[in-house]
C-alpha atoms as a PDB file:
ATOM      1  CA  MET A   1     -14.185  37.210-146.851  1.00  0.00           C
ATOM      2  CA  VAL A   2     -11.408  37.688-144.118  1.00  0.00           C
ATOM      3  CA  LYS A   3      -8.471  35.290-143.715  1.00  0.00           C
ATOM      4  CA  THR A   4      -6.951  35.060-140.470  1.00  0.00           C
ATOM      5  CA  GLN A   5      -4.369  32.805-138.426  1.00  0.00           C
ATOM      6  CA  ILE A   6      -5.403  31.188-135.148  1.00  0.00           C
ATOM      7  CA  GLN A   7      -3.205  28.988-132.426  1.00  0.00           C
ATOM      8  CA  MET A   8      -4.738  25.949-130.766  1.00  0.00           C
ATOM      9  CA  PRO A   9      -3.597  22.953-129.105  1.00  0.00           C
ATOM     10  CA  ASP A  10      -2.334  20.110-131.315  1.00  0.00           C
ATOM     11  CA  ASP A  11      -4.967  17.685-129.949  1.00  0.00           C
ATOM     12  CA  LEU A  12      -7.813  20.111-130.666  1.00  0.00           C
ATOM     13  CA  TYR A  13      -6.399  20.617-134.121  1.00  0.00           C
ATOM     14  CA  ALA A  14      -6.332  17.083-134.648  1.00  0.00           C
ATOM     15  CA  LYS A  15      -9.904  16.607-133.649  1.00  0.00           C
ATOM     16  CA  ILE A  16     -11.412  19.326-135.796  1.00  0.00           C
ATOM     17  CA  LYS A  17      -9.408  18.023-138.660  1.00  0.00           C
ATOM     18  CA  GLU A  18     -10.713  14.505-138.221  1.00  0.00           C
ATOM     19  CA  LEU A  19     -14.312  15.941-138.105  1.00  0.00           C
ATOM     20  CA  ALA A  20     -13.791  17.881-141.210  1.00  0.00           C
ATOM     21  CA  ASP A  21     -12.472  14.837-143.102  1.00  0.00           C
ATOM     22  CA  LYS A  22     -15.408  12.736-141.991  1.00  0.00           C
ATOM     23  CA  LYS A  23     -17.988  15.224-142.889  1.00  0.00           C
ATOM     24  CA  GLU A  24     -15.984  16.158-146.160  1.00  0.00           C
ATOM     25  CA  TRP A  25     -15.737  19.797-145.110  1.00  0.00           C
ATOM     26  CA  SER A  26     -12.737  22.046-145.458  1.00  0.00           C
ATOM     27  CA  LEU A  27     -11.059  22.820-142.414  1.00  0.00           C
ATOM     28  CA  ALA A  28     -12.173  26.559-142.985  1.00  0.00           C
ATOM     29  CA  GLU A  29     -15.737  25.295-143.316  1.00  0.00           C
ATOM     30  CA  ALA A  30     -15.521  23.413-139.986  1.00  0.00           C
ATOM     31  CA  PHE A  31     -14.177  26.579-138.170  1.00  0.00           C
ATOM     32  CA  ARG A  32     -16.874  28.547-139.790  1.00  0.00           C
ATOM     33  CA  ARG A  33     -19.783  26.371-138.718  1.00  0.00           C
ATOM     34  CA  GLY A  34     -18.062  26.306-135.214  1.00  0.00           C
ATOM     35  CA  ALA A  35     -18.217  30.024-134.951  1.00  0.00           C
ATOM     36  CA  GLU A  36     -21.921  30.129-136.220  1.00  0.00           C
ATOM     37  CA  LEU A  37     -22.757  27.518-133.467  1.00  0.00           C
ATOM     38  CA  LEU A  38     -20.904  29.519-130.893  1.00  0.00           C
ATOM     39  CA  LEU A  39     -22.905  32.939-131.888  1.00  0.00           C
ATOM     40  CA  GLN A  40     -26.253  31.050-131.666  1.00  0.00           C
ATOM     41  CA  ARG A  41     -25.528  29.639-128.405  1.00  0.00           C
ATOM     42  CA  TYR A  42     -24.006  32.988-126.960  1.00  0.00           C
ATOM     43  CA  PRO A  43     -25.772  35.904-128.575  1.00  0.00           C
ATOM     44  CA  ALA A  44     -24.497  39.338-128.117  1.00  0.00           C
ATOM     45  CA  PRO A  45     -25.864  41.124-125.128  1.00  0.00           C
ATOM     46  CA  GLY A  46     -29.090  43.069-126.013  1.00  0.00           C
ATOM     47  CA  SER A  47     -29.327  41.406-129.520  1.00  0.00           C
ATOM     48  CA  SER A  48     -32.521  39.650-128.781  1.00  0.00           C
ATOM     49  CA  SER A  49     -35.431  40.895-126.783  1.00  0.00           C
ATOM     50  CA  TRP A  50     -36.208  38.410-124.000  1.00  0.00           C
ATOM     51  CA  THR A  51     -39.884  38.189-122.593  1.00  0.00           C
ATOM     52  CA  PRO A  52     -40.626  36.328-119.495  1.00  0.00           C
ATOM     53  CA  PRO A  53     -42.417  33.140-119.867  1.00  0.00           C
ATOM     54  CA  ALA A  54     -46.444  33.194-119.532  1.00  0.00           C
ATOM     55  CA  PRO A  55     -47.748  32.459-116.201  1.00  0.00           C
ATOM     56  CA  ARG A  56     -49.342  28.942-115.694  1.00  0.00           C
ATOM     57  CA  ARG A  57     -52.959  28.703-115.322  1.00  0.00           C
ATOM     58  CA  LEU A  58     -53.471  28.576-111.615  1.00  0.00           C
ATOM     59  CA  GLY A  59     -55.862  26.433-109.822  1.00  0.00           C
ATOM     60  CA  TRP A  60     -56.020  23.349-107.597  1.00  0.00           C
ATOM     61  CA  ARG A  61     -57.612  19.984-108.599  1.00  0.00           C
ATOM     62  CA  GLY A  62     -59.556  21.276-111.437  1.00  0.00           C
ATOM     63  CA  LEU A  63     -60.864  24.368-109.523  1.00  0.00           C
ATOM     64  CA  THR A  64     -60.758  27.771-111.143  1.00  0.00           C
ATOM     65  CA  ASP A  65     -58.911  30.768-109.572  1.00  0.00           C
ATOM     66  CA  ALA A  66     -62.252  32.186-108.261  1.00  0.00           C
ATOM     67  CA  GLU A  67     -63.263  28.789-106.672  1.00  0.00           C
ATOM     68  CA  VAL A  68     -59.900  28.375-104.892  1.00  0.00           C
ATOM     69  CA  HIS A  69     -60.211  32.077-103.625  1.00  0.00           C
ATOM     70  CA  ALA A  70     -63.705  31.401-102.514  1.00  0.00           C
ATOM     71  CA  ALA A  71     -62.651  28.342-100.402  1.00  0.00           C
ATOM     72  CA  ALA A  72     -59.788  30.069 -98.904  1.00  0.00           C
ATOM     73  CA  ILE A  73     -62.154  32.841 -97.743  1.00  0.00           C
ATOM     74  CA  ALA A  74     -64.524  30.119 -96.468  1.00  0.00           C
ATOM     75  CA  ASP A  75     -61.953  28.303 -94.542  1.00  0.00           C
ATOM     76  CA  MET A  76     -60.871  31.630 -92.610  1.00  0.00           C
ATOM     77  CA  GLU A  77     -61.426  31.950 -89.051  1.00  0.00           C
ATOM     78  CA  PRO A  78     -64.389  34.487 -88.468  1.00  0.00           C
ATOM     79  CA  ALA A  79     -62.895  37.846 -87.200  1.00  0.00           C
ATOM     80  CA  THR A  80     -63.505  38.481 -83.554  1.00  0.00           C
ATOM     81  CA  ALA A  81     -64.077  41.862 -81.936  1.00  0.00           C
ATOM     82  CA  SER A  82     -60.454  41.859 -80.433  1.00  0.00           C
ATOM     83  CA  SER A  83     -58.908  41.022 -83.887  1.00  0.00           C
ATOM     84  CA  ARG A  84     -60.922  44.038 -85.419  1.00  0.00           C
ATOM     85  CA  ARG A  85     -59.369  46.329 -82.823  1.00  0.00           C
ATOM     86  CA  LYS A  86     -55.703  45.488 -83.732  1.00  0.00           C
ATOM     87  CA  ARG A  87     -56.049  46.682 -87.229  1.00  0.00           C
END
């Protein structure tokens, strides 16, 4: 175990000391717990592998993806001879 000294504002010291007393912890235990919470909240970069969230199931009003696609195709205006030449 490592021993260290820290400096902090008086009001912060009073608050952490009061919390430690209420929880029946030593002041050192309160600081250890605080440090553990910080490390959980702010892990070291690259320490955990992040994966993107899984995509939601797409669809509209209970239709499957294929049914939505088919409806979109059916709603398309038919291609005219002039629109085919532009491509």
